């Protein structure tokens, strides 16, 4: 495993990490979660990602049970949660969602209880909250750090303007600003990482913990001939994933990537993840495997990345044709 500094912080994250979105509680049980987290940890993965909204809090509970059973040295792992959506779904009442001081504080306490830990290494504002003053958000996260309940705070799917506004407020009030963003990033979703955030990487040094490096599984090639039984595109409530990603032109591109991967004697999934971590602004790519074979294969992306020469990266670019157009200065 390789490790990268999270932006300008001193925190080191494994270049590949393990997340629970969609899979925990919905697709896998405690036994499989225990096996997969063990495989990841033994391979050098040190970052495990979660959120209050994942499986309505059950994902955090499952991860908490696994961690309690593993009895790993707590200082050897980086553990995260996120707050914004709440965990009660349609039953959420006022103040049980968003980024108010009340919800962020209470959600943090709930996450600590579900994950069975004394502190979170990373705590994210899962989405921007247009109804809460950014000053309140920054002050609350700073307070949670001072209380020792979280060590670093970050954002997820915030715009570049919103992130820089948080840094402006933090600097003006001598508080700790966000040090990490969790955006979606893969061969089909590139605008934020390769365009919008460029000035932030240069001026602030933000870390990134990217999600969906395989575009919800599309970049594994498993949908090339239809939707397999039991895949996440068949899960109730995730129809939007299927509609968004299963477009014929993208399937064709994945097939071409598959041919390239075959020539390299690696899987399409390994190639696609490797492409993501070739970006030096990626601190870690979060994996979301549902079985041992998937995870073991995904972890080979470290070795596959070493095979990707500049010429091969250009070849991938010519296949997908998704590079964002940068503004002309």
C-alpha atoms as a PDB file:
ATOM      1  CA  UNK A   1       0.000   0.000   0.000  1.00  0.00           C
ATOM      2  CA  UNK A   2       1.048   3.579  -0.620  1.00  0.00           C
ATOM      3  CA  UNK A   3       0.167   6.495   1.635  1.00  0.00           C
ATOM      4  CA  UNK A   4      -0.459  10.146   0.813  1.00  0.00           C
ATOM      5  CA  UNK A   5      -0.704  13.252   2.949  1.00  0.00           C
ATOM      6  CA  UNK A   6      -4.241  14.626   3.131  1.00  0.00           C
ATOM      7  CA  UNK A   7      -3.663  17.985   1.500  1.00  0.00           C
ATOM      8  CA  UNK A   8      -1.481  20.207   3.673  1.00  0.00           C
ATOM      9  CA  UNK A   9      -2.245  18.284   6.863  1.00  0.00           C
ATOM     10  CA  UNK A  10       0.110  15.816   8.507  1.00  0.00           C
ATOM     11  CA  UNK A  11      -2.464  13.018   8.236  1.00  0.00           C
ATOM     12  CA  UNK A  12      -1.486  10.075   6.029  1.00  0.00           C
ATOM     13  CA  UNK A  13      -4.211   8.179   4.197  1.00  0.00           C
ATOM     14  CA  UNK A  14      -3.829   4.885   2.372  1.00  0.00           C
ATOM     15  CA  UNK A  15      -4.129   5.609  -1.358  1.00  0.00           C
ATOM     16  CA  UNK A  16      -6.968   3.088  -1.452  1.00  0.00           C
ATOM     17  CA  UNK A  17      -9.576   3.110   1.312  1.00  0.00           C
ATOM     18  CA  UNK A  18     -12.785   1.280   2.195  1.00  0.00           C
ATOM     19  CA  UNK A  19     -16.300   2.701   2.362  1.00  0.00           C
ATOM     20  CA  UNK A  20     -19.728   1.427   3.328  1.00  0.00           C
ATOM     21  CA  UNK A  21     -22.143   3.390   1.123  1.00  0.00           C
ATOM     22  CA  UNK A  22     -24.829   1.153  -0.469  1.00  0.00           C
ATOM     23  CA  UNK A  23     -23.069  -2.070   0.570  1.00  0.00           C
ATOM     24  CA  UNK A  24     -23.261  -2.185   4.392  1.00  0.00           C
ATOM     25  CA  UNK A  25     -26.602  -3.503   5.668  1.00  0.00           C
ATOM     26  CA  UNK A  26     -28.186  -3.324   2.195  1.00  0.00           C
ATOM     27  CA  UNK A  27     -25.934  -5.779   0.329  1.00  0.00           C
ATOM     28  CA  UNK A  28     -23.702  -7.407   2.939  1.00  0.00           C
ATOM     29  CA  UNK A  29     -24.061  -8.633   6.525  1.00  0.00           C
ATOM     30  CA  UNK A  30     -21.745  -8.419   9.551  1.00  0.00           C
ATOM     31  CA  UNK A  31     -19.805 -11.532   8.597  1.00  0.00           C
ATOM     32  CA  UNK A  32     -18.964 -10.302   5.104  1.00  0.00           C
ATOM     33  CA  UNK A  33     -18.234  -6.782   6.374  1.00  0.00           C
ATOM     34  CA  UNK A  34     -15.841  -8.284   8.929  1.00  0.00           C
ATOM     35  CA  UNK A  35     -14.079 -10.287   6.213  1.00  0.00           C
ATOM     36  CA  UNK A  36     -13.787  -7.374   3.790  1.00  0.00           C
ATOM     37  CA  UNK A  37     -12.568  -4.873   6.363  1.00  0.00           C
ATOM     38  CA  UNK A  38     -10.023  -7.433   7.515  1.00  0.00           C
ATOM     39  CA  UNK A  39      -8.741  -7.964   3.973  1.00  0.00           C
ATOM     40  CA  UNK A  40      -8.516  -4.213   3.449  1.00  0.00           C
ATOM     41  CA  UNK A  41      -6.706  -3.624   6.749  1.00  0.00           C
ATOM     42  CA  UNK A  42      -4.239  -6.463   6.133  1.00  0.00           C
ATOM     43  CA  UNK A  43      -3.501  -4.917   2.708  1.00  0.00           C
ATOM     44  CA  UNK A  44      -2.563  -1.632   4.376  1.00  0.00           C
ATOM     45  CA  UNK A  45      -5.860   0.259   4.107  1.00  0.00           C
ATOM     46  CA  UNK A  46      -6.120   2.644   7.061  1.00  0.00           C
ATOM     47  CA  UNK A  47      -9.154   4.799   6.157  1.00  0.00           C
ATOM     48  CA  UNK A  48     -12.725   3.571   6.653  1.00  0.00           C
ATOM     49  CA  UNK A  49     -15.539   5.848   5.495  1.00  0.00           C
ATOM     50  CA  UNK A  50     -19.131   6.134   6.701  1.00  0.00           C
ATOM     51  CA  UNK A  51     -22.037   8.584   7.138  1.00  0.00           C
ATOM     52  CA  UNK A  52     -25.162   9.016   9.254  1.00  0.00           C
ATOM     53  CA  UNK A  53     -27.447   8.623   6.226  1.00  0.00           C
ATOM     54  CA  UNK A  54     -25.978   5.340   4.994  1.00  0.00           C
ATOM     55  CA  UNK A  55     -28.640   2.657   5.565  1.00  0.00           C
ATOM     56  CA  UNK A  56     -30.342   5.028   8.031  1.00  0.00           C
ATOM     57  CA  UNK A  57     -27.547   4.713  10.598  1.00  0.00           C
ATOM     58  CA  UNK A  58     -27.303   0.923  10.300  1.00  0.00           C
ATOM     59  CA  UNK A  59     -24.099   1.182   8.254  1.00  0.00           C
ATOM     60  CA  UNK A  60     -22.318   2.941  11.114  1.00  0.00           C
ATOM     61  CA  UNK A  61     -23.652   0.396  13.588  1.00  0.00           C
ATOM     62  CA  UNK A  62     -22.361  -2.459  11.450  1.00  0.00           C
ATOM     63  CA  UNK A  63     -18.934  -0.892  11.081  1.00  0.00           C
ATOM     64  CA  UNK A  64     -18.891  -0.198  14.813  1.00  0.00           C
ATOM     65  CA  UNK A  65     -19.615  -3.845  15.585  1.00  0.00           C
ATOM     66  CA  UNK A  66     -16.875  -5.012  13.226  1.00  0.00           C
ATOM     67  CA  UNK A  67     -14.335  -2.606  14.717  1.00  0.00           C
ATOM     68  CA  UNK A  68     -15.291  -3.685  18.228  1.00  0.00           C
ATOM     69  CA  UNK A  69     -14.802  -7.332  17.213  1.00  0.00           C
ATOM     70  CA  UNK A  70     -11.486  -6.662  15.432  1.00  0.00           C
ATOM     71  CA  UNK A  71      -9.958  -4.841  18.386  1.00  0.00           C
ATOM     72  CA  UNK A  72      -7.515  -3.068  16.104  1.00  0.00           C
ATOM     73  CA  UNK A  73      -5.294  -0.383  17.594  1.00  0.00           C
ATOM     74  CA  UNK A  74      -7.495   2.692  17.207  1.00  0.00           C
ATOM     75  CA  UNK A  75      -4.470   4.808  16.338  1.00  0.00           C
ATOM     76  CA  UNK A  76      -3.806   2.624  13.277  1.00  0.00           C
ATOM     77  CA  UNK A  77      -7.026   3.584  11.476  1.00  0.00           C
ATOM     78  CA  UNK A  78      -8.701   6.739  10.212  1.00  0.00           C
ATOM     79  CA  UNK A  79     -12.456   6.720  10.777  1.00  0.00           C
ATOM     80  CA  UNK A  80     -14.986   9.141   9.306  1.00  0.00           C
ATOM     81  CA  UNK A  81     -18.622  10.093   9.334  1.00  0.00           C
ATOM     82  CA  UNK A  82     -20.732  12.753   7.626  1.00  0.00           C
ATOM     83  CA  UNK A  83     -23.724  14.833   8.640  1.00  0.00           C
ATOM     84  CA  UNK A  84     -26.422  16.656   6.709  1.00  0.00           C
ATOM     85  CA  UNK A  85     -29.206  14.317   5.579  1.00  0.00           C
ATOM     86  CA  UNK A  86     -30.053  12.877   9.000  1.00  0.00           C
ATOM     87  CA  UNK A  87     -30.767   9.166   9.407  1.00  0.00           C
ATOM     88  CA  UNK A  88     -34.543   9.044   9.861  1.00  0.00           C
ATOM     89  CA  UNK A  89     -35.449   9.569   6.217  1.00  0.00           C
ATOM     90  CA  UNK A  90     -38.985  10.892   5.747  1.00  0.00           C
ATOM     91  CA  UNK A  91     -39.423  10.874   9.524  1.00  0.00           C
ATOM     92  CA  UNK A  92     -36.782  13.599   9.953  1.00  0.00           C
ATOM     93  CA  UNK A  93     -38.115  16.579  11.877  1.00  0.00           C
ATOM     94  CA  UNK A  94     -36.763  20.170  11.909  1.00  0.00           C
ATOM     95  CA  UNK A  95     -33.175  20.335  13.220  1.00  0.00           C
ATOM     96  CA  UNK A  96     -32.581  16.650  12.419  1.00  0.00           C
ATOM     97  CA  UNK A  97     -30.994  17.534   9.064  1.00  0.00           C
ATOM     98  CA  UNK A  98     -28.748  20.289   7.714  1.00  0.00           C
ATOM     99  CA  UNK A  99     -25.634  21.929   9.120  1.00  0.00           C
ATOM    100  CA  UNK A 100     -26.975  23.852  12.097  1.00  0.00           C
ATOM    101  CA  UNK A 101     -24.882  23.788  15.257  1.00  0.00           C
ATOM    102  CA  UNK A 102     -27.576  21.645  16.838  1.00  0.00           C
ATOM    103  CA  UNK A 103     -27.654  18.977  14.135  1.00  0.00           C
ATOM    104  CA  UNK A 104     -23.890  18.830  13.539  1.00  0.00           C
ATOM    105  CA  UNK A 105     -23.258  18.417  17.272  1.00  0.00           C
ATOM    106  CA  UNK A 106     -25.995  15.870  17.876  1.00  0.00           C
ATOM    107  CA  UNK A 107     -25.154  13.946  14.691  1.00  0.00           C
ATOM    108  CA  UNK A 108     -21.535  13.750  15.812  1.00  0.00           C
ATOM    109  CA  UNK A 109     -22.570  12.321  19.185  1.00  0.00           C
ATOM    110  CA  UNK A 110     -24.816   9.775  17.467  1.00  0.00           C
ATOM    111  CA  UNK A 111     -22.047   8.746  15.061  1.00  0.00           C
ATOM    112  CA  UNK A 112     -19.603   8.218  17.931  1.00  0.00           C
ATOM    113  CA  UNK A 113     -22.131   5.976  19.651  1.00  0.00           C
ATOM    114  CA  UNK A 114     -22.966   3.956  16.529  1.00  0.00           C
ATOM    115  CA  UNK A 115     -19.315   3.536  15.524  1.00  0.00           C
ATOM    116  CA  UNK A 116     -18.366   2.680  19.122  1.00  0.00           C
ATOM    117  CA  UNK A 117     -15.462   5.122  19.193  1.00  0.00           C
ATOM    118  CA  UNK A 118     -14.382   8.107  21.289  1.00  0.00           C
ATOM    119  CA  UNK A 119     -13.550  10.383  18.365  1.00  0.00           C
ATOM    120  CA  UNK A 120     -13.771  10.716  14.589  1.00  0.00           C
ATOM    121  CA  UNK A 121     -10.620  11.374  12.603  1.00  0.00           C
ATOM    122  CA  UNK A 122     -12.626  13.014   9.797  1.00  0.00           C
ATOM    123  CA  UNK A 123     -16.064  14.621  10.013  1.00  0.00           C
ATOM    124  CA  UNK A 124     -17.713  15.940   6.868  1.00  0.00           C
ATOM    125  CA  UNK A 125     -20.469  18.376   6.059  1.00  0.00           C
ATOM    126  CA  UNK A 126     -22.135  15.967   3.634  1.00  0.00           C
ATOM    127  CA  UNK A 127     -23.638  18.727   1.480  1.00  0.00           C
ATOM    128  CA  UNK A 128     -23.674  22.529   1.637  1.00  0.00           C
ATOM    129  CA  UNK A 129     -26.560  24.025   3.634  1.00  0.00           C
ATOM    130  CA  UNK A 130     -27.939  27.150   1.976  1.00  0.00           C
ATOM    131  CA  UNK A 131     -30.069  27.937   5.059  1.00  0.00           C
ATOM    132  CA  UNK A 132     -27.310  27.949   7.695  1.00  0.00           C
ATOM    133  CA  UNK A 133     -24.716  30.774   7.900  1.00  0.00           C
ATOM    134  CA  UNK A 134     -21.273  29.517   6.973  1.00  0.00           C
ATOM    135  CA  UNK A 135     -19.970  31.207  10.137  1.00  0.00           C
ATOM    136  CA  UNK A 136     -22.104  28.853  12.231  1.00  0.00           C
ATOM    137  CA  UNK A 137     -20.820  25.799  10.364  1.00  0.00           C
ATOM    138  CA  UNK A 138     -17.148  26.751  10.700  1.00  0.00           C
ATOM    139  CA  UNK A 139     -17.533  27.690  14.372  1.00  0.00           C
ATOM    140  CA  UNK A 140     -19.291  24.410  15.168  1.00  0.00           C
ATOM    141  CA  UNK A 141     -16.671  22.256  13.458  1.00  0.00           C
ATOM    142  CA  UNK A 142     -13.916  24.201  15.198  1.00  0.00           C
ATOM    143  CA  UNK A 143     -15.626  23.609  18.555  1.00  0.00           C
ATOM    144  CA  UNK A 144     -15.906  19.868  17.905  1.00  0.00           C
ATOM    145  CA  UNK A 145     -12.169  19.806  17.180  1.00  0.00           C
ATOM    146  CA  UNK A 146     -11.420  21.712  20.381  1.00  0.00           C
ATOM    147  CA  UNK A 147     -13.574  19.242  22.316  1.00  0.00           C
ATOM    148  CA  UNK A 148     -11.564  16.344  20.886  1.00  0.00           C
ATOM    149  CA  UNK A 149     -14.604  14.748  19.264  1.00  0.00           C
ATOM    150  CA  UNK A 150     -13.175  15.165  15.751  1.00  0.00           C
ATOM    151  CA  UNK A 151      -9.623  15.739  14.512  1.00  0.00           C
ATOM    152  CA  UNK A 152     -10.189  17.185  11.014  1.00  0.00           C
ATOM    153  CA  UNK A 153     -13.288  18.441   9.268  1.00  0.00           C
ATOM    154  CA  UNK A 154     -14.182  18.526   5.639  1.00  0.00           C
ATOM    155  CA  UNK A 155     -16.873  18.936   3.030  1.00  0.00           C
ATOM    156  CA  UNK A 156     -18.532  16.673   0.492  1.00  0.00           C
ATOM    157  CA  UNK A 157     -19.811  17.835  -2.882  1.00  0.00           C
ATOM    158  CA  UNK A 158     -19.366  21.507  -2.025  1.00  0.00           C
ATOM    159  CA  UNK A 159     -18.602  23.981  -4.770  1.00  0.00           C
ATOM    160  CA  UNK A 160     -15.210  25.628  -4.974  1.00  0.00           C
ATOM    161  CA  UNK A 161     -16.774  28.957  -3.996  1.00  0.00           C
ATOM    162  CA  UNK A 162     -18.392  27.453  -0.894  1.00  0.00           C
ATOM    163  CA  UNK A 163     -15.150  25.818   0.204  1.00  0.00           C
ATOM    164  CA  UNK A 164     -13.201  29.045  -0.184  1.00  0.00           C
ATOM    165  CA  UNK A 165     -15.884  30.960   1.729  1.00  0.00           C
ATOM    166  CA  UNK A 166     -15.429  28.530   4.619  1.00  0.00           C
ATOM    167  CA  UNK A 167     -11.683  29.211   4.516  1.00  0.00           C
ATOM    168  CA  UNK A 168     -12.287  32.968   4.432  1.00  0.00           C
ATOM    169  CA  UNK A 169     -14.459  32.784   7.551  1.00  0.00           C
ATOM    170  CA  UNK A 170     -11.993  30.500   9.308  1.00  0.00           C
ATOM    171  CA  UNK A 171      -9.082  32.834   8.579  1.00  0.00           C
ATOM    172  CA  UNK A 172     -11.019  35.930   9.651  1.00  0.00           C
ATOM    173  CA  UNK A 173     -12.060  34.366  12.962  1.00  0.00           C
ATOM    174  CA  UNK A 174      -8.809  32.455  13.597  1.00  0.00           C
ATOM    175  CA  UNK A 175     -10.593  29.095  13.405  1.00  0.00           C
ATOM    176  CA  UNK A 176      -9.725  25.794  11.740  1.00  0.00           C
ATOM    177  CA  UNK A 177     -11.056  25.547   8.193  1.00  0.00           C
ATOM    178  CA  UNK A 178     -11.920  22.438   6.165  1.00  0.00           C
ATOM    179  CA  UNK A 179      -8.901  20.382   5.117  1.00  0.00           C
ATOM    180  CA  UNK A 180     -10.549  17.752   2.912  1.00  0.00           C
ATOM    181  CA  UNK A 181     -13.329  17.418   0.342  1.00  0.00           C
ATOM    182  CA  UNK A 182     -15.099  14.206  -0.677  1.00  0.00           C
ATOM    183  CA  UNK A 183     -16.187  14.595  -4.310  1.00  0.00           C
ATOM    184  CA  UNK A 184     -17.274  12.022  -6.823  1.00  0.00           C
ATOM    185  CA  UNK A 185     -14.441  11.325  -9.247  1.00  0.00           C
ATOM    186  CA  UNK A 186     -14.096   8.783 -12.021  1.00  0.00           C
ATOM    187  CA  UNK A 187     -13.548   8.610 -15.772  1.00  0.00           C
ATOM    188  CA  UNK A 188     -17.065   9.947 -16.364  1.00  0.00           C
ATOM    189  CA  UNK A 189     -17.214  12.537 -13.558  1.00  0.00           C
ATOM    190  CA  UNK A 190     -14.265  14.941 -13.635  1.00  0.00           C
ATOM    191  CA  UNK A 191     -15.319  18.594 -13.596  1.00  0.00           C
ATOM    192  CA  UNK A 192     -14.789  19.375  -9.909  1.00  0.00           C
ATOM    193  CA  UNK A 193     -11.446  17.616  -9.496  1.00  0.00           C
ATOM    194  CA  UNK A 194      -9.909  18.706 -12.784  1.00  0.00           C
ATOM    195  CA  UNK A 195     -11.360  22.185 -13.139  1.00  0.00           C
ATOM    196  CA  UNK A 196     -13.337  23.760 -10.308  1.00  0.00           C
ATOM    197  CA  UNK A 197     -10.946  22.797  -7.491  1.00  0.00           C
ATOM    198  CA  UNK A 198      -7.652  23.530  -9.248  1.00  0.00           C
ATOM    199  CA  UNK A 199      -7.109  26.904  -7.573  1.00  0.00           C
ATOM    200  CA  UNK A 200      -8.022  25.421  -4.189  1.00  0.00           C
ATOM    201  CA  UNK A 201      -5.428  22.676  -4.585  1.00  0.00           C
ATOM    202  CA  UNK A 202      -2.854  25.331  -5.461  1.00  0.00           C
ATOM    203  CA  UNK A 203      -3.731  27.935  -2.836  1.00  0.00           C
ATOM    204  CA  UNK A 204      -5.181  25.941   0.061  1.00  0.00           C
ATOM    205  CA  UNK A 205      -3.780  22.460  -0.450  1.00  0.00           C
ATOM    206  CA  UNK A 206      -7.047  20.592   0.068  1.00  0.00           C
ATOM    207  CA  UNK A 207      -7.040  16.813   0.451  1.00  0.00           C
ATOM    208  CA  UNK A 208      -9.627  14.644  -1.327  1.00  0.00           C
ATOM    209  CA  UNK A 209     -11.224  11.316  -0.442  1.00  0.00           C
ATOM    210  CA  UNK A 210     -12.936  10.519  -3.730  1.00  0.00           C
ATOM    211  CA  UNK A 211     -16.042   8.338  -3.959  1.00  0.00           C
ATOM    212  CA  UNK A 212     -17.441   6.166  -6.750  1.00  0.00           C
ATOM    213  CA  UNK A 213     -14.159   5.649  -8.650  1.00  0.00           C
ATOM    214  CA  UNK A 214     -15.984   2.923 -10.599  1.00  0.00           C
ATOM    215  CA  UNK A 215     -19.074   5.036 -11.416  1.00  0.00           C
ATOM    216  CA  UNK A 216     -21.370   2.846  -9.314  1.00  0.00           C
ATOM    217  CA  UNK A 217     -19.873  -0.272 -10.908  1.00  0.00           C
ATOM    218  CA  UNK A 218     -20.256   0.798 -14.520  1.00  0.00           C
ATOM    219  CA  UNK A 219     -16.476   0.953 -14.941  1.00  0.00           C
ATOM    220  CA  UNK A 220     -16.059  -2.662 -13.899  1.00  0.00           C
ATOM    221  CA  UNK A 221     -17.577  -3.760 -17.197  1.00  0.00           C
ATOM    222  CA  UNK A 222     -20.204  -5.903 -15.467  1.00  0.00           C
ATOM    223  CA  UNK A 223     -23.037  -3.977 -17.115  1.00  0.00           C
ATOM    224  CA  UNK A 224     -21.710  -4.405 -20.647  1.00  0.00           C
ATOM    225  CA  UNK A 225     -24.257  -7.144 -21.355  1.00  0.00           C
ATOM    226  CA  UNK A 226     -27.116  -6.024 -19.098  1.00  0.00           C
ATOM    227  CA  UNK A 227     -27.770  -5.629 -15.357  1.00  0.00           C
ATOM    228  CA  UNK A 228     -26.583  -8.611 -13.260  1.00  0.00           C
ATOM    229  CA  UNK A 229     -28.851 -10.002 -10.545  1.00  0.00           C
ATOM    230  CA  UNK A 230     -28.071  -8.501  -7.128  1.00  0.00           C
ATOM    231  CA  UNK A 231     -26.058  -5.522  -8.410  1.00  0.00           C
ATOM    232  CA  UNK A 232     -26.642  -2.060  -6.951  1.00  0.00           C
ATOM    233  CA  UNK A 233     -28.419  -0.917 -10.119  1.00  0.00           C
ATOM    234  CA  UNK A 234     -31.210  -3.320  -9.126  1.00  0.00           C
ATOM    235  CA  UNK A 235     -31.567  -2.032  -5.566  1.00  0.00           C
ATOM    236  CA  UNK A 236     -34.804  -0.276  -4.715  1.00  0.00           C
ATOM    237  CA  UNK A 237     -34.214   3.440  -4.276  1.00  0.00           C
ATOM    238  CA  UNK A 238     -31.112   3.477  -6.482  1.00  0.00           C
ATOM    239  CA  UNK A 239     -32.889   3.717  -9.838  1.00  0.00           C
ATOM    240  CA  UNK A 240     -31.310   7.144 -10.307  1.00  0.00           C
ATOM    241  CA  UNK A 241     -27.877   5.473 -10.424  1.00  0.00           C
ATOM    242  CA  UNK A 242     -29.006   3.139 -13.176  1.00  0.00           C
ATOM    243  CA  UNK A 243     -30.627   5.890 -15.218  1.00  0.00           C
ATOM    244  CA  UNK A 244     -27.615   8.142 -14.860  1.00  0.00           C
ATOM    245  CA  UNK A 245     -24.880   5.696 -15.756  1.00  0.00           C
ATOM    246  CA  UNK A 246     -26.401   3.107 -18.089  1.00  0.00           C
ATOM    247  CA  UNK A 247     -26.122   5.036 -21.308  1.00  0.00           C
ATOM    248  CA  UNK A 248     -25.123   3.192 -24.438  1.00  0.00           C
ATOM    249  CA  UNK A 249     -22.236   5.480 -25.373  1.00  0.00           C
ATOM    250  CA  UNK A 250     -20.692   4.926 -21.981  1.00  0.00           C
ATOM    251  CA  UNK A 251     -21.092   1.170 -22.273  1.00  0.00           C
ATOM    252  CA  UNK A 252     -19.170   1.315 -25.553  1.00  0.00           C
ATOM    253  CA  UNK A 253     -16.363   3.260 -23.898  1.00  0.00           C
ATOM    254  CA  UNK A 254     -16.199   0.770 -21.039  1.00  0.00           C
ATOM    255  CA  UNK A 255     -15.898  -2.047 -23.578  1.00  0.00           C
ATOM    256  CA  UNK A 256     -12.926  -0.281 -25.175  1.00  0.00           C
ATOM    257  CA  UNK A 257     -11.351   0.251 -21.757  1.00  0.00           C
ATOM    258  CA  UNK A 258     -11.872  -3.459 -21.144  1.00  0.00           C
ATOM    259  CA  UNK A 259      -9.855  -4.310 -24.238  1.00  0.00           C
ATOM    260  CA  UNK A 260      -7.042  -2.064 -23.028  1.00  0.00           C
ATOM    261  CA  UNK A 261      -7.165  -3.637 -19.570  1.00  0.00           C
ATOM    262  CA  UNK A 262      -7.009  -7.109 -21.088  1.00  0.00           C
ATOM    263  CA  UNK A 263      -3.857  -6.158 -22.967  1.00  0.00           C
ATOM    264  CA  UNK A 264      -2.332  -5.067 -19.653  1.00  0.00           C
ATOM    265  CA  UNK A 265      -3.539  -8.301 -18.028  1.00  0.00           C
ATOM    266  CA  UNK A 266      -5.597  -6.422 -15.434  1.00  0.00           C
ATOM    267  CA  UNK A 267      -9.331  -5.981 -14.884  1.00  0.00           C
ATOM    268  CA  UNK A 268     -11.299  -2.998 -16.167  1.00  0.00           C
ATOM    269  CA  UNK A 269     -12.049  -2.097 -12.553  1.00  0.00           C
ATOM    270  CA  UNK A 270      -8.365  -2.098 -11.585  1.00  0.00           C
ATOM    271  CA  UNK A 271      -7.542   0.049 -14.604  1.00  0.00           C
ATOM    272  CA  UNK A 272     -10.294   2.551 -13.806  1.00  0.00           C
ATOM    273  CA  UNK A 273      -9.313   2.930 -10.150  1.00  0.00           C
ATOM    274  CA  UNK A 274      -5.645   3.178 -11.124  1.00  0.00           C
ATOM    275  CA  UNK A 275      -6.514   6.035 -13.474  1.00  0.00           C
ATOM    276  CA  UNK A 276      -8.107   7.909 -10.563  1.00  0.00           C
ATOM    277  CA  UNK A 277      -5.130   7.607  -8.234  1.00  0.00           C
ATOM    278  CA  UNK A 278      -2.748   8.748 -10.962  1.00  0.00           C
ATOM    279  CA  UNK A 279      -4.166  12.208 -10.211  1.00  0.00           C
ATOM    280  CA  UNK A 280      -1.812  13.639  -7.540  1.00  0.00           C
ATOM    281  CA  UNK A 281      -4.687  15.658  -6.076  1.00  0.00           C
ATOM    282  CA  UNK A 282      -6.436  12.450  -5.044  1.00  0.00           C
ATOM    283  CA  UNK A 283      -5.505  11.644  -1.451  1.00  0.00           C
ATOM    284  CA  UNK A 284      -7.405   8.358  -1.453  1.00  0.00           C
ATOM    285  CA  UNK A 285      -9.958   6.496  -3.575  1.00  0.00           C
ATOM    286  CA  UNK A 286     -12.758   4.858  -1.581  1.00  0.00           C
ATOM    287  CA  UNK A 287     -13.543   1.267  -2.558  1.00  0.00           C
ATOM    288  CA  UNK A 288     -16.982  -0.262  -2.051  1.00  0.00           C
ATOM    289  CA  UNK A 289     -16.670  -3.968  -2.793  1.00  0.00           C
ATOM    290  CA  UNK A 290     -19.348  -6.502  -1.827  1.00  0.00           C
ATOM    291  CA  UNK A 291     -17.232  -9.655  -1.869  1.00  0.00           C
ATOM    292  CA  UNK A 292     -13.653 -10.852  -1.417  1.00  0.00           C
ATOM    293  CA  UNK A 293     -12.896 -11.306  -5.119  1.00  0.00           C
ATOM    294  CA  UNK A 294     -13.986  -7.746  -5.938  1.00  0.00           C
ATOM    295  CA  UNK A 295     -11.978  -6.212  -3.125  1.00  0.00           C
ATOM    296  CA  UNK A 296      -8.811  -8.190  -3.840  1.00  0.00           C
ATOM    297  CA  UNK A 297      -9.044  -7.152  -7.482  1.00  0.00           C
ATOM    298  CA  UNK A 298      -9.714  -3.487  -6.613  1.00  0.00           C
ATOM    299  CA  UNK A 299      -6.649  -3.439  -4.378  1.00  0.00           C
ATOM    300  CA  UNK A 300      -4.454  -4.335  -7.363  1.00  0.00           C
ATOM    301  CA  UNK A 301      -5.037  -0.786  -8.636  1.00  0.00           C
ATOM    302  CA  UNK A 302      -1.891   0.281  -6.776  1.00  0.00           C
ATOM    303  CA  UNK A 303       0.210  -1.981  -9.004  1.00  0.00           C
ATOM    304  CA  UNK A 304      -1.829  -1.160 -12.113  1.00  0.00           C
ATOM    305  CA  UNK A 305      -1.203   2.560 -11.604  1.00  0.00           C
ATOM    306  CA  UNK A 306       2.520   1.899 -11.925  1.00  0.00           C
ATOM    307  CA  UNK A 307       1.868   0.430 -15.382  1.00  0.00           C
ATOM    308  CA  UNK A 308       0.039   3.488 -16.688  1.00  0.00           C
ATOM    309  CA  UNK A 309       2.554   5.474 -18.707  1.00  0.00           C
ATOM    310  CA  UNK A 310       1.824   8.935 -20.098  1.00  0.00           C
ATOM    311  CA  UNK A 311       1.096   7.284 -23.445  1.00  0.00           C
ATOM    312  CA  UNK A 312      -1.429   4.929 -21.859  1.00  0.00           C
ATOM    313  CA  UNK A 313      -3.102   7.773 -20.002  1.00  0.00           C
ATOM    314  CA  UNK A 314      -3.480   9.551 -23.330  1.00  0.00           C
ATOM    315  CA  UNK A 315      -4.920   6.382 -24.835  1.00  0.00           C
ATOM    316  CA  UNK A 316      -7.519   6.254 -22.039  1.00  0.00           C
ATOM    317  CA  UNK A 317      -8.323   9.911 -22.696  1.00  0.00           C
ATOM    318  CA  UNK A 318      -8.897   9.188 -26.370  1.00  0.00           C
ATOM    319  CA  UNK A 319     -11.354   6.449 -25.418  1.00  0.00           C
ATOM    320  CA  UNK A 320     -13.479   8.289 -22.872  1.00  0.00           C
ATOM    321  CA  UNK A 321     -13.170  11.872 -24.209  1.00  0.00           C
ATOM    322  CA  UNK A 322     -14.394  13.315 -20.898  1.00  0.00           C
ATOM    323  CA  UNK A 323     -11.626  15.745 -19.962  1.00  0.00           C
ATOM    324  CA  UNK A 324     -13.196  19.039 -18.852  1.00  0.00           C
ATOM    325  CA  UNK A 325     -12.392  22.151 -20.850  1.00  0.00           C
ATOM    326  CA  UNK A 326     -10.431  24.592 -18.739  1.00  0.00           C
ATOM    327  CA  UNK A 327     -11.294  28.286 -18.925  1.00  0.00           C
ATOM    328  CA  UNK A 328      -9.061  30.405 -21.121  1.00  0.00           C
ATOM    329  CA  UNK A 329      -7.249  33.076 -19.125  1.00  0.00           C
END
